[in-house]
Amino acid sequence: MLAINRPLPRIEPGDYVMLHDTGAYYFSNPFFYINLPAVGEFGATINDTGGTALEVWRKQQSVEDMLAVIG
């Protein structure tokens, strides 16, 4: 559930939506107790002309990377 009795902006085709820290499987919670690799994190920047660029802040963790952490 995203919100109850709150107006939300209209979402148009091509828009991006981010749900920050939702559910049990977000970045600040450990994934290793159920052997799930950590998900990638991305951020968007807006340039001077109003264009946007998506940046990789943290790449998707590979299974090999996860196993190196948990053993």
N, C-alpha and C. Protein backbone atom coordinates (compact mmCIF):
# COMPACT_ATOMS: atom_id res chain seq x y z
N MET A 1 0.85 -1.16 0.00
CA MET A 1 0.00 0.00 0.00
C MET A 1 0.90 1.23 0.00
N LEU A 2 0.59 2.15 -0.86
CA LEU A 2 1.40 3.36 -0.99
C LEU A 2 0.88 4.49 -0.11
N ALA A 3 -0.43 4.70 -0.10
CA ALA A 3 -0.99 5.79 0.69
C ALA A 3 -2.48 5.55 0.90
N ILE A 4 -3.00 6.14 1.96
CA ILE A 4 -4.43 6.08 2.24
C ILE A 4 -4.94 7.51 2.34
N ASN A 5 -5.97 7.81 1.59
CA ASN A 5 -6.60 9.14 1.62
C ASN A 5 -5.60 10.27 1.40
N ARG A 6 -4.71 10.09 0.44
CA ARG A 6 -3.75 11.14 0.09
C ARG A 6 -3.78 11.35 -1.41
N PRO A 7 -3.82 12.61 -1.83
CA PRO A 7 -3.75 12.86 -3.27
C PRO A 7 -2.34 12.55 -3.78
N LEU A 8 -2.26 11.85 -4.88
CA LEU A 8 -0.98 11.53 -5.49
C LEU A 8 -0.93 12.18 -6.87
N PRO A 9 0.26 12.54 -7.34
CA PRO A 9 0.34 13.13 -8.67
C PRO A 9 -0.05 12.12 -9.74
N ARG A 10 -0.57 12.63 -10.85
CA ARG A 10 -0.92 11.78 -11.98
C ARG A 10 0.36 11.22 -12.58
N ILE A 11 0.35 9.94 -12.86
CA ILE A 11 1.49 9.28 -13.48
C ILE A 11 1.22 9.19 -14.97
N GLU A 12 2.16 9.67 -15.76
CA GLU A 12 2.04 9.68 -17.21
C GLU A 12 2.98 8.64 -17.81
N PRO A 13 2.68 8.15 -19.02
CA PRO A 13 3.63 7.23 -19.68
C PRO A 13 5.02 7.85 -19.77
N GLY A 14 6.02 7.07 -19.44
CA GLY A 14 7.40 7.56 -19.44
C GLY A 14 7.87 8.07 -18.10
N ASP A 15 6.94 8.27 -17.14
CA ASP A 15 7.33 8.71 -15.81
C ASP A 15 8.02 7.57 -15.06
N TYR A 16 8.84 7.94 -14.11
CA TYR A 16 9.45 6.97 -13.21
C TYR A 16 8.83 7.13 -11.83
N VAL A 17 8.69 6.03 -11.12
CA VAL A 17 8.14 6.05 -9.77
C VAL A 17 9.11 5.33 -8.86
N MET A 18 9.40 5.93 -7.70
CA MET A 18 10.25 5.28 -6.72
C MET A 18 9.46 5.14 -5.42
N LEU A 19 9.46 3.96 -4.88
CA LEU A 19 8.85 3.72 -3.58
C LEU A 19 10.00 3.46 -2.61
N HIS A 20 10.27 4.43 -1.78
CA HIS A 20 11.45 4.43 -0.91
C HIS A 20 11.21 3.55 0.32
N ASP A 21 12.10 2.57 0.52
CA ASP A 21 12.09 1.72 1.72
C ASP A 21 10.72 1.10 1.99
N THR A 22 10.24 0.32 1.05
CA THR A 22 8.95 -0.34 1.23
C THR A 22 9.13 -1.83 1.46
N GLY A 23 8.26 -2.42 2.21
CA GLY A 23 8.27 -3.86 2.40
C GLY A 23 9.49 -4.34 3.16
N ALA A 24 9.73 -5.64 3.07
CA ALA A 24 10.81 -6.26 3.83
C ALA A 24 12.13 -6.31 3.08
N TYR A 25 12.13 -6.04 1.78
CA TYR A 25 13.34 -6.27 0.98
C TYR A 25 13.83 -4.97 0.35
N TYR A 26 14.22 -4.03 1.17
CA TYR A 26 14.82 -2.80 0.67
C TYR A 26 16.26 -2.75 1.14
N PHE A 27 17.00 -1.77 0.68
CA PHE A 27 18.45 -1.75 0.87
C PHE A 27 18.90 -1.81 2.32
N SER A 28 18.22 -1.13 3.21
CA SER A 28 18.71 -1.08 4.59
C SER A 28 18.46 -2.36 5.38
N ASN A 29 17.65 -3.26 4.85
CA ASN A 29 17.45 -4.56 5.50
C ASN A 29 18.39 -5.59 4.89
N PRO A 30 18.90 -6.52 5.68
CA PRO A 30 19.76 -7.55 5.11
C PRO A 30 18.97 -8.51 4.22
N PHE A 31 19.61 -8.94 3.17
CA PHE A 31 19.00 -9.91 2.24
C PHE A 31 19.52 -11.32 2.51
N PHE A 32 20.58 -11.43 3.27
CA PHE A 32 21.33 -12.67 3.31
C PHE A 32 20.63 -13.79 4.07
N TYR A 33 19.71 -13.47 4.96
CA TYR A 33 19.04 -14.54 5.71
C TYR A 33 18.14 -15.38 4.81
N ILE A 34 17.79 -14.87 3.65
CA ILE A 34 17.00 -15.66 2.70
C ILE A 34 17.72 -15.81 1.37
N ASN A 35 19.03 -15.53 1.39
CA ASN A 35 19.89 -15.71 0.21
C ASN A 35 19.40 -14.96 -1.02
N LEU A 36 19.05 -13.69 -0.85
CA LEU A 36 18.69 -12.83 -1.97
C LEU A 36 19.81 -11.82 -2.19
N PRO A 37 20.31 -11.71 -3.41
CA PRO A 37 21.29 -10.67 -3.69
C PRO A 37 20.67 -9.29 -3.49
N ALA A 38 21.48 -8.34 -3.07
CA ALA A 38 21.00 -6.97 -2.90
C ALA A 38 20.65 -6.38 -4.27
N VAL A 39 19.58 -5.64 -4.32
CA VAL A 39 19.12 -5.05 -5.56
C VAL A 39 19.97 -3.84 -5.92
N GLY A 40 19.94 -3.46 -7.19
CA GLY A 40 20.64 -2.26 -7.63
C GLY A 40 19.90 -1.02 -7.16
N GLU A 41 20.66 0.07 -7.03
CA GLU A 41 20.05 1.36 -6.68
C GLU A 41 20.41 2.37 -7.76
N PHE A 42 19.43 3.20 -8.09
CA PHE A 42 19.59 4.17 -9.17
C PHE A 42 19.13 5.54 -8.70
N GLY A 43 19.67 6.55 -9.31
CA GLY A 43 19.24 7.91 -9.02
C GLY A 43 19.10 8.67 -10.32
N ALA A 44 18.28 9.69 -10.30
CA ALA A 44 18.06 10.51 -11.49
C ALA A 44 18.55 11.92 -11.23
N THR A 45 19.17 12.50 -12.22
CA THR A 45 19.56 13.89 -12.16
C THR A 45 18.90 14.65 -13.31
N ILE A 46 18.64 15.91 -13.09
CA ILE A 46 18.04 16.77 -14.11
C ILE A 46 19.10 17.78 -14.53
N ASN A 47 19.35 17.86 -15.83
CA ASN A 47 20.38 18.80 -16.32
C ASN A 47 19.78 20.18 -16.57
N ASP A 48 20.60 21.10 -17.03
CA ASP A 48 20.19 22.49 -17.22
C ASP A 48 19.08 22.67 -18.25
N THR A 49 18.97 21.74 -19.18
CA THR A 49 17.94 21.85 -20.22
C THR A 49 16.67 21.10 -19.85
N GLY A 50 16.62 20.54 -18.64
CA GLY A 50 15.43 19.83 -18.19
C GLY A 50 15.44 18.34 -18.50
N GLY A 51 16.48 17.86 -19.16
CA GLY A 51 16.60 16.43 -19.43
C GLY A 51 17.01 15.67 -18.19
N THR A 52 16.72 14.40 -18.17
CA THR A 52 17.09 13.58 -17.01
C THR A 52 18.06 12.50 -17.41
N ALA A 53 18.87 12.09 -16.47
CA ALA A 53 19.81 11.00 -16.67
C ALA A 53 19.71 10.06 -15.48
N LEU A 54 19.64 8.78 -15.76
CA LEU A 54 19.59 7.76 -14.72
C LEU A 54 21.00 7.31 -14.43
N GLU A 55 21.38 7.30 -13.16
CA GLU A 55 22.72 6.91 -12.75
C GLU A 55 22.65 5.65 -11.88
N VAL A 56 23.60 4.76 -12.06
CA VAL A 56 23.70 3.56 -11.22
C VAL A 56 24.48 3.97 -9.97
N TRP A 57 23.83 3.93 -8.82
CA TRP A 57 24.50 4.24 -7.56
C TRP A 57 25.12 3.00 -6.94
N ARG A 58 24.45 1.89 -7.12
CA ARG A 58 24.98 0.60 -6.67
C ARG A 58 24.46 -0.45 -7.63
N LYS A 59 25.36 -1.26 -8.20
CA LYS A 59 24.93 -2.27 -9.15
C LYS A 59 24.25 -3.44 -8.43
N GLN A 60 23.44 -4.15 -9.18
CA GLN A 60 22.81 -5.38 -8.66
C GLN A 60 23.89 -6.32 -8.17
N GLN A 61 23.74 -6.86 -7.00
CA GLN A 61 24.73 -7.77 -6.45
C GLN A 61 24.61 -9.13 -7.15
N SER A 62 25.72 -9.68 -7.56
CA SER A 62 25.70 -11.01 -8.19
C SER A 62 25.62 -12.07 -7.10
N VAL A 63 25.25 -13.27 -7.49
CA VAL A 63 25.22 -14.39 -6.54
C VAL A 63 26.62 -14.62 -5.98
N GLU A 64 27.63 -14.52 -6.84
CA GLU A 64 29.00 -14.71 -6.40
C GLU A 64 29.40 -13.66 -5.35
N ASP A 65 29.02 -12.40 -5.57
CA ASP A 65 29.28 -11.34 -4.60
C ASP A 65 28.60 -11.63 -3.26
N MET A 66 27.34 -12.07 -3.33
CA MET A 66 26.59 -12.37 -2.12
C MET A 66 27.26 -13.51 -1.36
N LEU A 67 27.65 -14.57 -2.07
CA LEU A 67 28.28 -15.72 -1.41
C LEU A 67 29.61 -15.35 -0.79
N ALA A 68 30.32 -14.39 -1.39
CA ALA A 68 31.59 -13.94 -0.80
C ALA A 68 31.35 -13.25 0.54
N VAL A 69 30.19 -12.61 0.69
CA VAL A 69 29.86 -11.93 1.95
C VAL A 69 29.37 -12.92 3.00
N ILE A 70 28.49 -13.84 2.61
CA ILE A 70 27.87 -14.72 3.61
C ILE A 70 28.60 -16.04 3.80
N GLY A 71 29.50 -16.36 2.88
CA GLY A 71 30.30 -17.57 3.02
C GLY A 71 29.68 -18.82 2.58
